[in-house]
C-alpha atoms as a PDB file:
ATOM      1  CA  MET A   1      -0.287   0.105  -0.087  1.00  0.00           C
ATOM      2  CA  VAL A   2       1.225   3.697  -0.899  1.00  0.00           C
ATOM      3  CA  LEU A   3       0.147   6.426   0.996  1.00  0.00           C
ATOM      4  CA  VAL A   4       1.337   9.990  -0.333  1.00  0.00           C
ATOM      5  CA  LEU A   5       2.207  12.497   1.934  1.00  0.00           C
ATOM      6  CA  LYS A   6       2.839  15.700   0.342  1.00  0.00           C
ATOM      7  CA  GLN A   7       5.108  18.708   1.715  1.00  0.00           C
ATOM      8  CA  GLY A   8       2.779  21.356   3.789  1.00  0.00           C
ATOM      9  CA  ALA A   9       0.115  18.521   4.677  1.00  0.00           C
ATOM     10  CA  THR A  10      -1.489  19.760   7.713  1.00  0.00           C
ATOM     11  CA  LYS A  11      -1.227  17.810  11.244  1.00  0.00           C
ATOM     12  CA  LYS A  12      -5.330  16.814  10.685  1.00  0.00           C
ATOM     13  CA  ARG A  13      -4.169  15.461   7.262  1.00  0.00           C
ATOM     14  CA  ILE A  14      -1.109  13.427   8.309  1.00  0.00           C
ATOM     15  CA  ARG A  15      -3.513  11.950  11.206  1.00  0.00           C
ATOM     16  CA  THR A  16      -6.289  10.924   8.932  1.00  0.00           C
ATOM     17  CA  ILE A  17      -3.369   9.166   6.752  1.00  0.00           C
ATOM     18  CA  LEU A  18      -2.019   7.386   9.665  1.00  0.00           C
ATOM     19  CA  ASP A  19      -5.666   6.475  10.658  1.00  0.00           C
ATOM     20  CA  ASN A  20      -6.488   4.573   7.614  1.00  0.00           C
ATOM     21  CA  LEU A  21      -3.012   2.986   7.519  1.00  0.00           C
ATOM     22  CA  ALA A  22      -3.804   1.520  10.801  1.00  0.00           C
ATOM     23  CA  ARG A  23      -7.200   0.604  10.061  1.00  0.00           C
ATOM     24  CA  GLU A  24      -6.143  -1.482   6.893  1.00  0.00           C
ATOM     25  CA  ILE A  25      -2.825  -3.194   8.297  1.00  0.00           C
ATOM     26  CA  LYS A  26      -3.941  -6.665  10.403  1.00  0.00           C
ATOM     27  CA  PRO A  27      -1.365  -7.585  13.066  1.00  0.00           C
ATOM     28  CA  LYS A  28      -0.001 -10.784  12.145  1.00  0.00           C
ATOM     29  CA  GLY A  29       0.793 -13.725  15.000  1.00  0.00           C
ATOM     30  CA  VAL A  30      -0.432 -14.283  18.583  1.00  0.00           C
ATOM     31  CA  ASP A  31      -1.943 -11.480  20.839  1.00  0.00           C
ATOM     32  CA  VAL A  32       0.909 -11.793  23.991  1.00  0.00           C
ATOM     33  CA  TYR A  33      -0.472  -9.208  26.084  1.00  0.00           C
ATOM     34  CA  LYS A  34      -3.415 -11.696  26.737  1.00  0.00           C
ATOM     35  CA  TYR A  35      -1.243 -13.746  28.596  1.00  0.00           C
ATOM     36  CA  CYS A  36       0.638 -11.046  30.781  1.00  0.00           C
ATOM     37  CA  GLY A  37       0.473 -11.974  34.349  1.00  0.00           C
ATOM     38  CA  LYS A  38      -0.773 -15.438  33.911  1.00  0.00           C
ATOM     39  CA  ILE A  39       2.332 -17.211  34.664  1.00  0.00           C
ATOM     40  CA  ASN A  40       3.175 -18.288  38.505  1.00  0.00           C
ATOM     41  CA  LEU A  41       6.533 -18.745  38.960  1.00  0.00           C
ATOM     42  CA  LYS A  42       7.898 -21.066  42.303  1.00  0.00           C
ATOM     43  CA  LYS A  43      11.775 -19.283  41.832  1.00  0.00           C
ATOM     44  CA  ASP A  44      12.811 -15.884  40.744  1.00  0.00           C
ATOM     45  CA  ALA A  45      12.774 -15.177  37.379  1.00  0.00           C
ATOM     46  CA  LEU A  46      16.633 -14.393  37.276  1.00  0.00           C
ATOM     47  CA  ASN A  47      17.632 -17.215  39.275  1.00  0.00           C
ATOM     48  CA  ILE A  48      15.803 -19.667  36.398  1.00  0.00           C
ATOM     49  CA  GLN A  49      17.620 -17.945  33.600  1.00  0.00           C
ATOM     50  CA  LYS A  50      21.034 -18.292  35.457  1.00  0.00           C
ATOM     51  CA  ASP A  51      20.192 -22.042  35.893  1.00  0.00           C
ATOM     52  CA  LEU A  52      19.145 -22.406  32.334  1.00  0.00           C
ATOM     53  CA  ARG A  53      22.588 -21.006  31.268  1.00  0.00           C
ATOM     54  CA  ASN A  54      24.664 -22.944  33.482  1.00  0.00           C
ATOM     55  CA  GLU A  55      23.351 -26.484  32.312  1.00  0.00           C
ATOM     56  CA  TRP A  56      25.519 -25.970  29.251  1.00  0.00           C
ATOM     57  CA  LYS A  57      28.478 -25.835  31.289  1.00  0.00           C
END
């Protein structure tokens, strides 16, 4: 899709162009924000990460 933004365009015109672009673009993949805060960890996340990295040594 090509949108033409001419020199001297007003803020209102730029905003309408951006709104039209946002309406036409559909996000790909999974909405990860719906999983935010759903995981309960038994240990601290940093300690889990260190343990996983130390498995290779």
